[in-house]
Amino acid sequence: MKLKNSSLYYWLANILCLISAAYFFWKVLPCITTAKEIVFATVCILTMVASCICFVLYVDAKRNEKEKIG
């Protein structure tokens, strides 16, 4: 995968992970009792998964940049 601006994925991954983890542990985890909280917990977990995917894309792009240079 060829990406021009790989640092975008790095910052996107960091921001998504911090926001979703903070919200998950502060608001959702202590009070999972209704379907609404289960939906919020699922959204937070999916956001954390999306941040992991962004981080993998970042690492892959950096590796491709190093192979292109060297």
C-alpha atoms as a PDB file:
ATOM      1  CA  MET A   1       0.000   0.000   0.000  1.00  0.00           C
ATOM      2  CA  LYS A   2       1.493   3.322  -1.056  1.00  0.00           C
ATOM      3  CA  LEU A   3       0.720   6.295   1.161  1.00  0.00           C
ATOM      4  CA  LYS A   4       2.055   9.811   0.802  1.00  0.00           C
ATOM      5  CA  ASN A   5       1.392  11.074   4.316  1.00  0.00           C
ATOM      6  CA  SER A   6       1.870   8.161   6.690  1.00  0.00           C
ATOM      7  CA  SER A   7       2.036  10.372   9.788  1.00  0.00           C
ATOM      8  CA  LEU A   8      -1.665  11.137   9.302  1.00  0.00           C
ATOM      9  CA  TYR A   9      -2.478   7.529  10.186  1.00  0.00           C
ATOM     10  CA  TYR A  10      -0.213   7.711  13.223  1.00  0.00           C
ATOM     11  CA  TRP A  11      -1.936  10.784  14.661  1.00  0.00           C
ATOM     12  CA  LEU A  12      -5.386   9.508  13.739  1.00  0.00           C
ATOM     13  CA  ALA A  13      -4.673   6.250  15.539  1.00  0.00           C
ATOM     14  CA  ASN A  14      -3.422   8.038  18.651  1.00  0.00           C
ATOM     15  CA  ILE A  15      -6.352  10.437  18.831  1.00  0.00           C
ATOM     16  CA  LEU A  16      -8.978   7.752  18.229  1.00  0.00           C
ATOM     17  CA  CYS A  17      -7.452   5.440  20.798  1.00  0.00           C
ATOM     18  CA  LEU A  18      -7.163   8.106  23.488  1.00  0.00           C
ATOM     19  CA  ILE A  19     -10.703   9.385  23.017  1.00  0.00           C
ATOM     20  CA  SER A  20     -12.326   5.973  22.910  1.00  0.00           C
ATOM     21  CA  ALA A  21     -10.316   4.555  25.810  1.00  0.00           C
ATOM     22  CA  ALA A  22     -10.985   7.583  28.005  1.00  0.00           C
ATOM     23  CA  TYR A  23     -14.695   7.542  27.265  1.00  0.00           C
ATOM     24  CA  PHE A  24     -14.903   3.779  27.685  1.00  0.00           C
ATOM     25  CA  PHE A  25     -13.240   3.645  31.104  1.00  0.00           C
ATOM     26  CA  TRP A  26     -14.732   6.887  32.436  1.00  0.00           C
ATOM     27  CA  LYS A  27     -18.357   6.696  31.305  1.00  0.00           C
ATOM     28  CA  VAL A  28     -19.261   3.326  29.830  1.00  0.00           C
ATOM     29  CA  LEU A  29     -17.559   0.614  31.857  1.00  0.00           C
ATOM     30  CA  PRO A  30     -18.905   1.609  35.311  1.00  0.00           C
ATOM     31  CA  CYS A  31     -22.544   1.643  34.213  1.00  0.00           C
ATOM     32  CA  ILE A  32     -23.201  -1.006  31.571  1.00  0.00           C
ATOM     33  CA  THR A  33     -26.774  -1.895  32.482  1.00  0.00           C
ATOM     34  CA  THR A  34     -28.991  -1.048  29.515  1.00  0.00           C
ATOM     35  CA  ALA A  35     -28.872  -1.565  25.779  1.00  0.00           C
ATOM     36  CA  LYS A  36     -27.810   2.059  25.299  1.00  0.00           C
ATOM     37  CA  GLU A  37     -24.627   1.542  27.317  1.00  0.00           C
ATOM     38  CA  ILE A  38     -23.925  -1.700  25.463  1.00  0.00           C
ATOM     39  CA  VAL A  39     -24.142   0.206  22.173  1.00  0.00           C
ATOM     40  CA  PHE A  40     -21.753   2.883  23.482  1.00  0.00           C
ATOM     41  CA  ALA A  41     -19.342   0.204  24.690  1.00  0.00           C
ATOM     42  CA  THR A  42     -19.469  -1.474  21.294  1.00  0.00           C
ATOM     43  CA  VAL A  43     -18.777   1.833  19.543  1.00  0.00           C
ATOM     44  CA  CYS A  44     -15.800   2.480  21.830  1.00  0.00           C
ATOM     45  CA  ILE A  45     -14.397  -0.983  21.200  1.00  0.00           C
ATOM     46  CA  LEU A  46     -14.858  -0.583  17.437  1.00  0.00           C
ATOM     47  CA  THR A  47     -13.105   2.789  17.621  1.00  0.00           C
ATOM     48  CA  MET A  48     -10.179   1.164  19.396  1.00  0.00           C
ATOM     49  CA  VAL A  49     -10.066  -1.498  16.670  1.00  0.00           C
ATOM     50  CA  ALA A  50     -10.118   1.235  14.014  1.00  0.00           C
ATOM     51  CA  SER A  51      -7.200   2.954  15.738  1.00  0.00           C
ATOM     52  CA  CYS A  52      -5.277  -0.327  15.682  1.00  0.00           C
ATOM     53  CA  ILE A  53      -5.941  -0.626  11.947  1.00  0.00           C
ATOM     54  CA  CYS A  54      -4.705   2.947  11.434  1.00  0.00           C
ATOM     55  CA  PHE A  55      -1.557   2.148  13.397  1.00  0.00           C
ATOM     56  CA  VAL A  56      -0.929  -0.964  11.280  1.00  0.00           C
ATOM     57  CA  LEU A  57      -1.351   1.148   8.138  1.00  0.00           C
ATOM     58  CA  TYR A  58       1.126   3.659   9.558  1.00  0.00           C
ATOM     59  CA  VAL A  59       3.721   0.981  10.312  1.00  0.00           C
ATOM     60  CA  ASP A  60       3.250  -0.546   6.861  1.00  0.00           C
ATOM     61  CA  ALA A  61       3.623   2.846   5.183  1.00  0.00           C
ATOM     62  CA  LYS A  62       6.780   3.613   7.156  1.00  0.00           C
ATOM     63  CA  ARG A  63       8.255   0.241   6.199  1.00  0.00           C
ATOM     64  CA  ASN A  64       7.463   0.903   2.533  1.00  0.00           C
ATOM     65  CA  GLU A  65       9.067   4.348   2.760  1.00  0.00           C
ATOM     66  CA  LYS A  66      12.244   2.839   4.228  1.00  0.00           C
ATOM     67  CA  GLU A  67      12.354   0.160   1.510  1.00  0.00           C
ATOM     68  CA  LYS A  68      11.898   2.841  -1.153  1.00  0.00           C
ATOM     69  CA  ILE A  69      14.738   4.958   0.254  1.00  0.00           C
ATOM     70  CA  GLY A  70      17.123   2.115   1.040  1.00  0.00           C
END
